[in-house]
Amino acid sequence: MTPLIERFRDRLPVSAATPGVSLGEGSTPLLHAPRLGKLLGIDLYLKWEASNPTGSYKDRGMTVAVSKAAEAGARAVICASTGNTASSAAAYAARAGIPALILIPEGAIAGGKLIQTRALGALVLEVRGSFDQALAAARELSDRGTHALVNSLNPFRIEGQKTAVFEIVEELGAAPDAFVIPYGGGGNTTAYAKGIAESGLATPLYSIEAVDRPNTLATAIRIGTPVHRPKVELSGAHVVAVSDEEIVEAWLQLAREEGLFCEPSSAAGLAFLRRRSGEFQGARVVVTITGHGLKDPDIANRYAPPPVQVDADADAIAAAAAR
């Protein structure tokens, strides 16, 4: 597989001096969803970003951000994160041979993401406070020149993430009638808007957040004050809020109808389409599924049906299966 930086070198702010810190990111599947599409009356496609190396779309931006940090001679990288940025930063920093410092808000990171980040060798500090407070501290340290900030405030992150739009259009052979993505900090909304603009498209972008941002069960979008909110407002994206109940219903339906197990926040876009499918009848819509379900096993364990105990007997097993 061609690394993302090499595939899109002419559309990224890189040069011959930029090292390609890569784990084989990008070129993720665009999956047709015939069963869900039929239920909704939509020609539905799913951009399966969970197949990126660390299991989320963050790797698209991180390969560029860490490559540019290495080019600039950074001695370490830093980020604040509710999970996916943490594991991505840890992985790409390890690949580059650079230490990673990860600040996580107390009690606000999913178990799978925390384990992944720790296993990748990053120094993880749990901040007594919110994500916004952790990010403020990360920015202050970055301003001191000791660490390169790799949150989506880093413009190289946005540059890498915009490539998802290029891939979608390339695989479809044309622009879809709508792009639909989750909205946490707003970096990916900003990136998609940039990719749409650079491709010369007029396709609408729908950015889906949670009704109760600070307390949603969808940890990847549990950000009270999105740092990119002003840019999202200027981007022209249509911002819509969905409830946790809608997210869980969409999350379970995606798994059972299409066989895709994502983290709950990734189902926010589908939750929006389930509510407003009448507006998209017959349209070709691409929903970006941003992260793998194993990122958040606690939520999966809470809502997925438990196993049923049976005796090691064929008749007992058959009877249980027939219920």
C-alpha atoms as a PDB file:
ATOM      1  CA  MET A   1       0.000   0.000   0.000  1.00  0.00           C
ATOM      2  CA  THR A   2       1.302   3.452  -0.908  1.00  0.00           C
ATOM      3  CA  PRO A   3       1.703   5.606   2.236  1.00  0.00           C
ATOM      4  CA  LEU A   4      -0.693   8.549   2.414  1.00  0.00           C
ATOM      5  CA  ILE A   5       2.019  11.197   2.076  1.00  0.00           C
ATOM      6  CA  GLU A   6       3.385   9.559  -1.057  1.00  0.00           C
ATOM      7  CA  ARG A   7      -0.042   9.025  -2.581  1.00  0.00           C
ATOM      8  CA  PHE A   8      -1.060  12.669  -2.140  1.00  0.00           C
ATOM      9  CA  ARG A   9       2.355  14.367  -2.066  1.00  0.00           C
ATOM     10  CA  ASP A  10       1.324  16.935  -4.693  1.00  0.00           C
ATOM     11  CA  ARG A  11      -1.676  17.965  -2.554  1.00  0.00           C
ATOM     12  CA  LEU A  12       0.087  18.176   0.810  1.00  0.00           C
ATOM     13  CA  PRO A  13       2.515  20.734   2.305  1.00  0.00           C
ATOM     14  CA  VAL A  14       5.507  18.403   2.197  1.00  0.00           C
ATOM     15  CA  SER A  15       8.851  18.486   0.413  1.00  0.00           C
ATOM     16  CA  ALA A  16      11.673  16.138  -0.444  1.00  0.00           C
ATOM     17  CA  ALA A  17      13.083  16.917   3.012  1.00  0.00           C
ATOM     18  CA  THR A  18       9.953  15.668   4.802  1.00  0.00           C
ATOM     19  CA  PRO A  19      10.472  12.174   6.224  1.00  0.00           C
ATOM     20  CA  GLY A  20       7.527   9.879   5.584  1.00  0.00           C
ATOM     21  CA  VAL A  21       6.609   8.646   9.054  1.00  0.00           C
ATOM     22  CA  SER A  22       4.053   6.057   7.985  1.00  0.00           C
ATOM     23  CA  LEU A  23       2.256   2.989   9.279  1.00  0.00           C
ATOM     24  CA  GLY A  24       0.343   2.325   6.057  1.00  0.00           C
ATOM     25  CA  GLU A  25      -2.517   4.771   6.705  1.00  0.00           C
ATOM     26  CA  GLY A  26      -5.165   5.898   4.234  1.00  0.00           C
ATOM     27  CA  SER A  27      -6.634   4.064   1.219  1.00  0.00           C
ATOM     28  CA  THR A  28      -9.435   2.859   3.505  1.00  0.00           C
ATOM     29  CA  PRO A  29     -12.439   0.966   2.104  1.00  0.00           C
ATOM     30  CA  LEU A  30     -15.528   2.744   0.807  1.00  0.00           C
ATOM     31  CA  LEU A  31     -18.191   0.143   1.475  1.00  0.00           C
ATOM     32  CA  HIS A  32     -21.615   0.068  -0.134  1.00  0.00           C
ATOM     33  CA  ALA A  33     -24.301  -0.534   2.511  1.00  0.00           C
ATOM     34  CA  PRO A  34     -27.180  -2.149   0.588  1.00  0.00           C
ATOM     35  CA  ARG A  35     -29.180  -3.417   3.553  1.00  0.00           C
ATOM     36  CA  LEU A  36     -29.151  -0.163   5.509  1.00  0.00           C
ATOM     37  CA  GLY A  37     -29.527   1.815   2.312  1.00  0.00           C
ATOM     38  CA  LYS A  38     -32.671  -0.087   1.383  1.00  0.00           C
ATOM     39  CA  LEU A  39     -34.155   0.491   4.839  1.00  0.00           C
ATOM     40  CA  LEU A  40     -33.468   4.226   4.590  1.00  0.00           C
ATOM     41  CA  GLY A  41     -34.186   4.684   0.881  1.00  0.00           C
ATOM     42  CA  ILE A  42     -30.657   5.993   0.329  1.00  0.00           C
ATOM     43  CA  ASP A  43     -27.781   4.887  -1.897  1.00  0.00           C
ATOM     44  CA  LEU A  44     -25.568   4.602   1.167  1.00  0.00           C
ATOM     45  CA  TYR A  45     -21.778   4.276   1.315  1.00  0.00           C
ATOM     46  CA  LEU A  46     -19.603   3.982   4.421  1.00  0.00           C
ATOM     47  CA  LYS A  47     -16.026   5.288   4.542  1.00  0.00           C
ATOM     48  CA  TRP A  48     -14.517   2.701   6.901  1.00  0.00           C
ATOM     49  CA  GLU A  49     -11.749   4.667   8.628  1.00  0.00           C
ATOM     50  CA  ALA A  50     -11.463   2.029  11.349  1.00  0.00           C
ATOM     51  CA  SER A  51      -9.074   0.158   9.043  1.00  0.00           C
ATOM     52  CA  ASN A  52      -6.369   2.786   9.606  1.00  0.00           C
ATOM     53  CA  PRO A  53      -3.356   1.456  11.590  1.00  0.00           C
ATOM     54  CA  THR A  54      -4.505   2.558  15.052  1.00  0.00           C
ATOM     55  CA  GLY A  55      -8.189   2.053  14.292  1.00  0.00           C
ATOM     56  CA  SER A  56      -9.321   5.613  13.583  1.00  0.00           C
ATOM     57  CA  TYR A  57      -9.232   8.407  11.018  1.00  0.00           C
ATOM     58  CA  LYS A  58      -6.737  10.327  13.175  1.00  0.00           C
ATOM     59  CA  ASP A  59      -3.866   8.498  11.481  1.00  0.00           C
ATOM     60  CA  ARG A  60      -4.462  10.475   8.272  1.00  0.00           C
ATOM     61  CA  GLY A  61      -3.489  13.717   9.953  1.00  0.00           C
ATOM     62  CA  MET A  62      -0.941  12.243  12.340  1.00  0.00           C
ATOM     63  CA  THR A  63       1.314  10.889   9.591  1.00  0.00           C
ATOM     64  CA  VAL A  64       1.686  14.440   8.234  1.00  0.00           C
ATOM     65  CA  ALA A  65       1.916  16.166  11.639  1.00  0.00           C
ATOM     66  CA  VAL A  66       4.579  13.826  13.033  1.00  0.00           C
ATOM     67  CA  SER A  67       6.507  13.793   9.745  1.00  0.00           C
ATOM     68  CA  LYS A  68       6.649  17.594   9.797  1.00  0.00           C
ATOM     69  CA  ALA A  69       7.580  17.578  13.496  1.00  0.00           C
ATOM     70  CA  ALA A  70      10.453  15.200  12.731  1.00  0.00           C
ATOM     71  CA  GLU A  71      11.513  17.394   9.823  1.00  0.00           C
ATOM     72  CA  ALA A  72      11.625  20.393  12.166  1.00  0.00           C
ATOM     73  CA  GLY A  73      13.768  18.499  14.659  1.00  0.00           C
ATOM     74  CA  ALA A  74      11.133  18.193  17.402  1.00  0.00           C
ATOM     75  CA  ARG A  75      12.397  16.412  20.505  1.00  0.00           C
ATOM     76  CA  ALA A  76       8.927  15.280  21.613  1.00  0.00           C
ATOM     77  CA  VAL A  77       5.239  15.561  20.717  1.00  0.00           C
ATOM     78  CA  ILE A  78       2.296  16.379  22.957  1.00  0.00           C
ATOM     79  CA  CYS A  79      -1.479  16.233  22.710  1.00  0.00           C
ATOM     80  CA  ALA A  80      -4.597  16.353  24.830  1.00  0.00           C
ATOM     81  CA  SER A  81      -7.055  13.645  23.944  1.00  0.00           C
ATOM     82  CA  THR A  82     -10.222  11.737  24.774  1.00  0.00           C
ATOM     83  CA  GLY A  83      -8.618   8.710  23.126  1.00  0.00           C
ATOM     84  CA  ASN A  84      -8.119   8.405  19.380  1.00  0.00           C
ATOM     85  CA  THR A  85      -5.633  11.252  19.022  1.00  0.00           C
ATOM     86  CA  ALA A  86      -3.726   9.786  21.969  1.00  0.00           C
ATOM     87  CA  SER A  87      -3.255   6.353  20.422  1.00  0.00           C
ATOM     88  CA  SER A  88      -2.451   7.794  17.005  1.00  0.00           C
ATOM     89  CA  ALA A  89       0.114  10.243  18.382  1.00  0.00           C
ATOM     90  CA  ALA A  90       1.707   7.501  20.466  1.00  0.00           C
ATOM     91  CA  ALA A  91       1.991   5.164  17.473  1.00  0.00           C
ATOM     92  CA  TYR A  92       3.452   7.682  15.029  1.00  0.00           C
ATOM     93  CA  ALA A  93       5.807   9.115  17.625  1.00  0.00           C
ATOM     94  CA  ALA A  94       7.087   5.602  18.323  1.00  0.00           C
ATOM     95  CA  ARG A  95       7.526   5.064  14.582  1.00  0.00           C
ATOM     96  CA  ALA A  96       9.537   8.293  14.360  1.00  0.00           C
ATOM     97  CA  GLY A  97      11.593   7.551  17.475  1.00  0.00           C
ATOM     98  CA  ILE A  98      10.224  10.620  19.263  1.00  0.00           C
ATOM     99  CA  PRO A  99       8.787  10.595  22.839  1.00  0.00           C
ATOM    100  CA  ALA A 100       5.049  11.270  23.159  1.00  0.00           C
ATOM    101  CA  LEU A 101       3.379  13.029  26.100  1.00  0.00           C
ATOM    102  CA  ILE A 102      -0.373  12.426  26.290  1.00  0.00           C
ATOM    103  CA  LEU A 103      -2.732  14.437  28.517  1.00  0.00           C
ATOM    104  CA  ILE A 104      -6.110  12.814  29.132  1.00  0.00           C
ATOM    105  CA  PRO A 105      -9.026  14.323  31.073  1.00  0.00           C
ATOM    106  CA  GLU A 106      -9.741  12.471  34.293  1.00  0.00           C
ATOM    107  CA  GLY A 107     -12.172   9.590  33.787  1.00  0.00           C
ATOM    108  CA  ALA A 108     -13.076  10.609  30.232  1.00  0.00           C
ATOM    109  CA  ILE A 109     -11.150   8.175  28.033  1.00  0.00           C
ATOM    110  CA  ALA A 110     -12.442   4.797  26.834  1.00  0.00           C
ATOM    111  CA  GLY A 111     -10.581   1.788  28.170  1.00  0.00           C
ATOM    112  CA  GLY A 112      -9.521   0.380  24.807  1.00  0.00           C
ATOM    113  CA  LYS A 113      -7.949   3.650  23.743  1.00  0.00           C
ATOM    114  CA  LEU A 114      -6.106   4.101  27.029  1.00  0.00           C
ATOM    115  CA  ILE A 115      -4.653   0.584  26.914  1.00  0.00           C
ATOM    116  CA  GLN A 116      -3.572   1.082  23.321  1.00  0.00           C
ATOM    117  CA  THR A 117      -1.830   4.372  24.134  1.00  0.00           C
ATOM    118  CA  ARG A 118      -0.033   2.958  27.152  1.00  0.00           C
ATOM    119  CA  ALA A 119       1.114  -0.110  25.216  1.00  0.00           C
ATOM    120  CA  LEU A 120       2.602   2.121  22.526  1.00  0.00           C
ATOM    121  CA  GLY A 121       5.016   3.586  25.061  1.00  0.00           C
ATOM    122  CA  ALA A 122       3.669   7.107  25.495  1.00  0.00           C
ATOM    123  CA  LEU A 123       3.811   8.891  28.837  1.00  0.00           C
ATOM    124  CA  VAL A 124       0.139   9.256  29.803  1.00  0.00           C
ATOM    125  CA  LEU A 125      -0.820  11.903  32.379  1.00  0.00           C
ATOM    126  CA  GLU A 126      -4.396  12.034  33.675  1.00  0.00           C
ATOM    127  CA  VAL A 127      -5.300  15.685  34.179  1.00  0.00           C
ATOM    128  CA  ARG A 128      -7.648  16.646  37.003  1.00  0.00           C
ATOM    129  CA  GLY A 129     -10.026  18.560  34.805  1.00  0.00           C
ATOM    130  CA  SER A 130     -11.830  18.620  31.465  1.00  0.00           C
ATOM    131  CA  PHE A 131     -10.533  18.033  27.948  1.00  0.00           C
ATOM    132  CA  ASP A 132     -10.528  21.786  27.390  1.00  0.00           C
ATOM    133  CA  GLN A 133      -8.259  22.295  30.420  1.00  0.00           C
ATOM    134  CA  ALA A 134      -5.939  19.506  29.281  1.00  0.00           C
ATOM    135  CA  LEU A 135      -5.698  21.069  25.819  1.00  0.00           C
ATOM    136  CA  ALA A 136      -4.909  24.482  27.304  1.00  0.00           C
ATOM    137  CA  ALA A 137      -2.027  22.940  29.253  1.00  0.00           C
ATOM    138  CA  ALA A 138      -0.755  21.114  26.140  1.00  0.00           C
ATOM    139  CA  ARG A 139      -0.801  24.339  24.156  1.00  0.00           C
ATOM    140  CA  GLU A 140       1.137  26.169  26.881  1.00  0.00           C
ATOM    141  CA  LEU A 141       3.866  23.516  26.902  1.00  0.00           C
ATOM    142  CA  SER A 142       4.011  23.617  23.113  1.00  0.00           C
ATOM    143  CA  ASP A 143       4.411  27.395  23.202  1.00  0.00           C
ATOM    144  CA  ARG A 144       7.475  26.937  25.412  1.00  0.00           C
ATOM    145  CA  GLY A 145       9.146  25.086  22.557  1.00  0.00           C
ATOM    146  CA  THR A 146       9.705  21.809  24.393  1.00  0.00           C
ATOM    147  CA  HIS A 147       7.012  19.775  22.615  1.00  0.00           C
ATOM    148  CA  ALA A 148       5.357  19.835  19.177  1.00  0.00           C
ATOM    149  CA  LEU A 149       1.573  19.978  19.527  1.00  0.00           C
ATOM    150  CA  VAL A 150      -0.140  17.318  17.400  1.00  0.00           C
ATOM    151  CA  ASN A 151      -3.762  18.057  18.227  1.00  0.00           C
ATOM    152  CA  SER A 152      -5.865  19.161  15.255  1.00  0.00           C
ATOM    153  CA  LEU A 153      -4.868  22.761  15.992  1.00  0.00           C
ATOM    154  CA  ASN A 154      -1.738  21.694  14.154  1.00  0.00           C
ATOM    155  CA  PRO A 155      -2.570  22.610  10.530  1.00  0.00           C
ATOM    156  CA  PHE A 156      -0.712  19.566   9.208  1.00  0.00           C
ATOM    157  CA  ARG A 157      -3.334  17.367  10.859  1.00  0.00           C
ATOM    158  CA  ILE A 158      -6.055  19.046   8.801  1.00  0.00           C
ATOM    159  CA  GLU A 159      -4.000  18.653   5.638  1.00  0.00           C
ATOM    160  CA  GLY A 160      -3.716  14.911   6.134  1.00  0.00           C
ATOM    161  CA  GLN A 161      -7.352  14.408   7.066  1.00  0.00           C
ATOM    162  CA  LYS A 162      -8.674  16.199   3.981  1.00  0.00           C
ATOM    163  CA  THR A 163      -7.383  13.292   1.865  1.00  0.00           C
ATOM    164  CA  ALA A 164     -10.420  11.201   2.832  1.00  0.00           C
ATOM    165  CA  VAL A 165     -12.480  13.429   0.533  1.00  0.00           C
ATOM    166  CA  PHE A 166     -10.073  12.814  -2.359  1.00  0.00           C
ATOM    167  CA  GLU A 167     -10.319   9.050  -1.848  1.00  0.00           C
ATOM    168  CA  ILE A 168     -14.120   9.060  -1.701  1.00  0.00           C
ATOM    169  CA  VAL A 169     -14.500  11.046  -4.908  1.00  0.00           C
ATOM    170  CA  GLU A 170     -11.862   8.935  -6.649  1.00  0.00           C
ATOM    171  CA  GLU A 171     -13.544   5.657  -5.732  1.00  0.00           C
ATOM    172  CA  LEU A 172     -17.070   6.800  -6.571  1.00  0.00           C
ATOM    173  CA  GLY A 173     -15.894   8.416  -9.782  1.00  0.00           C
ATOM    174  CA  ALA A 174     -17.871  11.530  -8.831  1.00  0.00           C
ATOM    175  CA  ALA A 175     -18.865  13.520  -5.781  1.00  0.00           C
ATOM    176  CA  PRO A 176     -21.622  12.064  -3.584  1.00  0.00           C
ATOM    177  CA  ASP A 177     -24.796  14.033  -2.943  1.00  0.00           C
ATOM    178  CA  ALA A 178     -23.744  14.545   0.691  1.00  0.00           C
ATOM    179  CA  PHE A 179     -20.905  13.864   3.114  1.00  0.00           C
ATOM    180  CA  VAL A 180     -21.892  13.025   6.724  1.00  0.00           C
ATOM    181  CA  ILE A 181     -19.313  12.893   9.555  1.00  0.00           C
ATOM    182  CA  PRO A 182     -19.215  13.003  13.387  1.00  0.00           C
ATOM    183  CA  TYR A 183     -18.310  16.296  15.060  1.00  0.00           C
ATOM    184  CA  GLY A 184     -16.101  16.235  18.144  1.00  0.00           C
ATOM    185  CA  GLY A 185     -13.501  18.980  18.176  1.00  0.00           C
ATOM    186  CA  GLY A 186     -14.366  20.018  14.642  1.00  0.00           C
ATOM    187  CA  GLY A 187     -10.984  19.269  13.106  1.00  0.00           C
ATOM    188  CA  ASN A 188     -12.352  16.642  10.740  1.00  0.00           C
ATOM    189  CA  THR A 189     -15.226  18.907   9.705  1.00  0.00           C
ATOM    190  CA  THR A 190     -12.668  21.584   8.890  1.00  0.00           C
ATOM    191  CA  ALA A 191     -10.578  19.028   6.994  1.00  0.00           C
ATOM    192  CA  TYR A 192     -13.506  17.711   4.945  1.00  0.00           C
ATOM    193  CA  ALA A 193     -14.589  21.259   4.114  1.00  0.00           C
ATOM    194  CA  LYS A 194     -11.043  21.948   2.913  1.00  0.00           C
ATOM    195  CA  GLY A 195     -10.968  18.789   0.836  1.00  0.00           C
ATOM    196  CA  ILE A 196     -14.359  19.585  -0.695  1.00  0.00           C
ATOM    197  CA  ALA A 197     -13.245  23.125  -1.569  1.00  0.00           C
ATOM    198  CA  GLU A 198      -9.908  22.000  -3.033  1.00  0.00           C
ATOM    199  CA  SER A 199     -11.757  19.442  -5.174  1.00  0.00           C
ATOM    200  CA  GLY A 200     -14.019  22.173  -6.543  1.00  0.00           C
ATOM    201  CA  LEU A 201     -17.170  20.497  -5.213  1.00  0.00           C
ATOM    202  CA  ALA A 202     -20.450  21.981  -4.094  1.00  0.00           C
ATOM    203  CA  THR A 203     -21.421  18.909  -2.069  1.00  0.00           C
ATOM    204  CA  PRO A 204     -23.069  19.651   1.297  1.00  0.00           C
ATOM    205  CA  LEU A 205     -21.315  18.508   4.448  1.00  0.00           C
ATOM    206  CA  TYR A 206     -23.292  17.434   7.525  1.00  0.00           C
ATOM    207  CA  SER A 207     -21.400  17.489  10.831  1.00  0.00           C
ATOM    208  CA  ILE A 208     -23.116  15.557  13.624  1.00  0.00           C
ATOM    209  CA  GLU A 209     -22.562  16.274  17.308  1.00  0.00           C
ATOM    210  CA  ALA A 210     -24.128  14.996  20.540  1.00  0.00           C
ATOM    211  CA  VAL A 211     -26.956  16.850  22.274  1.00  0.00           C
ATOM    212  CA  ASP A 212     -25.159  16.700  25.633  1.00  0.00           C
ATOM    213  CA  ARG A 213     -21.566  17.160  24.519  1.00  0.00           C
ATOM    214  CA  PRO A 214     -19.780  17.113  27.910  1.00  0.00           C
ATOM    215  CA  ASN A 215     -21.581  13.973  29.090  1.00  0.00           C
ATOM    216  CA  THR A 216     -22.318  11.914  25.989  1.00  0.00           C
ATOM    217  CA  LEU A 217     -21.484   8.206  26.082  1.00  0.00           C
ATOM    218  CA  ALA A 218     -19.766   8.717  22.723  1.00  0.00           C
ATOM    219  CA  THR A 219     -16.353   9.496  24.194  1.00  0.00           C
ATOM    220  CA  ALA A 220     -14.720  10.576  20.930  1.00  0.00           C
ATOM    221  CA  ILE A 221     -17.124  13.516  20.656  1.00  0.00           C
ATOM    222  CA  ARG A 222     -17.239  14.282  24.397  1.00  0.00           C
ATOM    223  CA  ILE A 223     -15.728  17.745  23.959  1.00  0.00           C
ATOM    224  CA  GLY A 224     -17.591  20.569  25.666  1.00  0.00           C
ATOM    225  CA  THR A 225     -16.047  23.438  23.726  1.00  0.00           C
ATOM    226  CA  PRO A 226     -14.931  22.389  20.223  1.00  0.00           C
ATOM    227  CA  VAL A 227     -11.711  24.234  19.463  1.00  0.00           C
ATOM    228  CA  HIS A 228     -12.602  24.421  15.764  1.00  0.00           C
ATOM    229  CA  ARG A 229     -16.146  25.688  16.286  1.00  0.00           C
ATOM    230  CA  PRO A 230     -15.472  29.104  14.626  1.00  0.00           C
ATOM    231  CA  LYS A 231     -13.990  27.360  11.578  1.00  0.00           C
ATOM    232  CA  VAL A 232     -16.877  24.888  11.467  1.00  0.00           C
ATOM    233  CA  GLU A 233     -19.332  27.787  11.452  1.00  0.00           C
ATOM    234  CA  LEU A 234     -17.423  29.434   8.604  1.00  0.00           C
ATOM    235  CA  SER A 235     -17.117  26.195   6.644  1.00  0.00           C
ATOM    236  CA  GLY A 236     -20.777  26.084   5.670  1.00  0.00           C
ATOM    237  CA  ALA A 237     -21.209  22.635   7.228  1.00  0.00           C
ATOM    238  CA  HIS A 238     -24.692  21.797   8.487  1.00  0.00           C
ATOM    239  CA  VAL A 239     -24.331  21.042  12.208  1.00  0.00           C
ATOM    240  CA  VAL A 240     -26.976  18.741  13.707  1.00  0.00           C
ATOM    241  CA  ALA A 241     -27.174  17.282  17.230  1.00  0.00           C
ATOM    242  CA  VAL A 242     -28.366  13.746  17.975  1.00  0.00           C
ATOM    243  CA  SER A 243     -29.147  12.106  21.299  1.00  0.00           C
ATOM    244  CA  ASP A 244     -27.245   9.265  22.926  1.00  0.00           C
ATOM    245  CA  GLU A 245     -30.286   7.056  22.420  1.00  0.00           C
ATOM    246  CA  GLU A 246     -30.189   7.726  18.682  1.00  0.00           C
ATOM    247  CA  ILE A 247     -26.447   7.040  18.581  1.00  0.00           C
ATOM    248  CA  VAL A 248     -26.817   3.674  20.326  1.00  0.00           C
ATOM    249  CA  GLU A 249     -29.676   2.597  18.060  1.00  0.00           C
ATOM    250  CA  ALA A 250     -27.701   3.504  14.937  1.00  0.00           C
ATOM    251  CA  TRP A 251     -24.559   1.847  16.321  1.00  0.00           C
ATOM    252  CA  LEU A 252     -26.358  -1.450  16.953  1.00  0.00           C
ATOM    253  CA  GLN A 253     -28.127  -1.334  13.594  1.00  0.00           C
ATOM    254  CA  LEU A 254     -24.874  -0.772  11.721  1.00  0.00           C
ATOM    255  CA  ALA A 255     -23.326  -3.813  13.368  1.00  0.00           C
ATOM    256  CA  ARG A 256     -26.313  -6.089  12.802  1.00  0.00           C
ATOM    257  CA  GLU A 257     -27.264  -5.002   9.292  1.00  0.00           C
ATOM    258  CA  GLU A 258     -23.832  -4.413   7.743  1.00  0.00           C
ATOM    259  CA  GLY A 259     -21.392  -6.273   9.999  1.00  0.00           C
ATOM    260  CA  LEU A 260     -19.416  -3.162  10.947  1.00  0.00           C
ATOM    261  CA  PHE A 261     -18.493  -2.764  14.611  1.00  0.00           C
ATOM    262  CA  CYS A 262     -17.580   0.859  15.257  1.00  0.00           C
ATOM    263  CA  GLU A 263     -17.198   2.977  18.358  1.00  0.00           C
ATOM    264  CA  PRO A 264     -20.470   4.729  19.295  1.00  0.00           C
ATOM    265  CA  SER A 265     -19.368   8.227  18.229  1.00  0.00           C
ATOM    266  CA  SER A 266     -18.771   6.876  14.726  1.00  0.00           C
ATOM    267  CA  ALA A 267     -22.464   6.086  14.431  1.00  0.00           C
ATOM    268  CA  ALA A 268     -23.532   9.715  14.935  1.00  0.00           C
ATOM    269  CA  GLY A 269     -23.772  10.302  11.179  1.00  0.00           C
ATOM    270  CA  LEU A 270     -25.972   7.266  10.695  1.00  0.00           C
ATOM    271  CA  ALA A 271     -28.151   8.402  13.617  1.00  0.00           C
ATOM    272  CA  PHE A 272     -28.720  11.656  11.746  1.00  0.00           C
ATOM    273  CA  LEU A 273     -29.677   9.842   8.534  1.00  0.00           C
ATOM    274  CA  ARG A 274     -32.095   7.541  10.369  1.00  0.00           C
ATOM    275  CA  ARG A 275     -33.892  10.607  11.709  1.00  0.00           C
ATOM    276  CA  ARG A 276     -33.936  12.588   8.468  1.00  0.00           C
ATOM    277  CA  SER A 277     -33.825   9.929   5.770  1.00  0.00           C
ATOM    278  CA  GLY A 278     -36.832  11.501   4.021  1.00  0.00           C
ATOM    279  CA  GLU A 279     -34.621  14.395   2.919  1.00  0.00           C
ATOM    280  CA  PHE A 280     -32.190  12.071   1.126  1.00  0.00           C
ATOM    281  CA  GLN A 281     -34.436   9.644  -0.736  1.00  0.00           C
ATOM    282  CA  GLY A 282     -32.563   8.174  -3.683  1.00  0.00           C
ATOM    283  CA  ALA A 283     -29.470  10.280  -2.963  1.00  0.00           C
ATOM    284  CA  ARG A 284     -25.936   8.910  -2.868  1.00  0.00           C
ATOM    285  CA  VAL A 285     -24.642   9.666   0.628  1.00  0.00           C
ATOM    286  CA  VAL A 286     -21.261   8.854   2.187  1.00  0.00           C
ATOM    287  CA  VAL A 287     -21.142   8.450   5.966  1.00  0.00           C
ATOM    288  CA  THR A 288     -17.659   8.393   7.496  1.00  0.00           C
ATOM    289  CA  ILE A 289     -17.236   5.747  10.194  1.00  0.00           C
ATOM    290  CA  THR A 290     -14.351   7.179  12.146  1.00  0.00           C
ATOM    291  CA  GLY A 291     -13.217   4.519  14.634  1.00  0.00           C
ATOM    292  CA  HIS A 292     -13.281   0.819  15.493  1.00  0.00           C
ATOM    293  CA  GLY A 293     -15.618  -0.634  18.120  1.00  0.00           C
ATOM    294  CA  LEU A 294     -12.768  -2.177  20.090  1.00  0.00           C
ATOM    295  CA  LYS A 295     -11.755   1.380  20.983  1.00  0.00           C
ATOM    296  CA  ASP A 296     -14.647   1.472  23.471  1.00  0.00           C
ATOM    297  CA  PRO A 297     -15.345  -2.060  24.755  1.00  0.00           C
ATOM    298  CA  ASP A 298     -17.104  -0.849  27.919  1.00  0.00           C
ATOM    299  CA  ILE A 299     -19.978   0.655  25.924  1.00  0.00           C
ATOM    300  CA  ALA A 300     -20.181  -2.414  23.716  1.00  0.00           C
ATOM    301  CA  ASN A 301     -20.394  -4.625  26.787  1.00  0.00           C
ATOM    302  CA  ARG A 302     -23.169  -2.451  28.192  1.00  0.00           C
ATOM    303  CA  TYR A 303     -25.464  -2.594  25.165  1.00  0.00           C
ATOM    304  CA  ALA A 304     -24.635  -5.793  23.266  1.00  0.00           C
ATOM    305  CA  PRO A 305     -26.591  -8.902  24.339  1.00  0.00           C
ATOM    306  CA  PRO A 306     -24.709 -11.159  26.768  1.00  0.00           C
ATOM    307  CA  PRO A 307     -23.784 -14.758  25.914  1.00  0.00           C
ATOM    308  CA  VAL A 308     -26.274 -17.485  26.870  1.00  0.00           C
ATOM    309  CA  GLN A 309     -24.971 -20.398  28.914  1.00  0.00           C
ATOM    310  CA  VAL A 310     -25.858 -23.918  27.758  1.00  0.00           C
ATOM    311  CA  ASP A 311     -24.715 -27.442  28.469  1.00  0.00           C
ATOM    312  CA  ALA A 312     -22.234 -29.072  26.087  1.00  0.00           C
ATOM    313  CA  ASP A 313     -25.072 -30.976  24.486  1.00  0.00           C
ATOM    314  CA  ALA A 314     -26.278 -30.752  20.877  1.00  0.00           C
ATOM    315  CA  ASP A 315     -29.976 -30.810  21.800  1.00  0.00           C
ATOM    316  CA  ALA A 316     -29.536 -28.078  24.412  1.00  0.00           C
ATOM    317  CA  ILE A 317     -27.583 -25.968  21.939  1.00  0.00           C
ATOM    318  CA  ALA A 318     -30.199 -26.451  19.219  1.00  0.00           C
ATOM    319  CA  ALA A 319     -32.981 -25.521  21.629  1.00  0.00           C
ATOM    320  CA  ALA A 320     -31.159 -22.364  22.721  1.00  0.00           C
ATOM    321  CA  ALA A 321     -30.510 -21.383  19.114  1.00  0.00           C
ATOM    322  CA  ALA A 322     -34.220 -21.780  18.267  1.00  0.00           C
ATOM    323  CA  ARG A 323     -35.387 -19.327  20.921  1.00  0.00           C
END
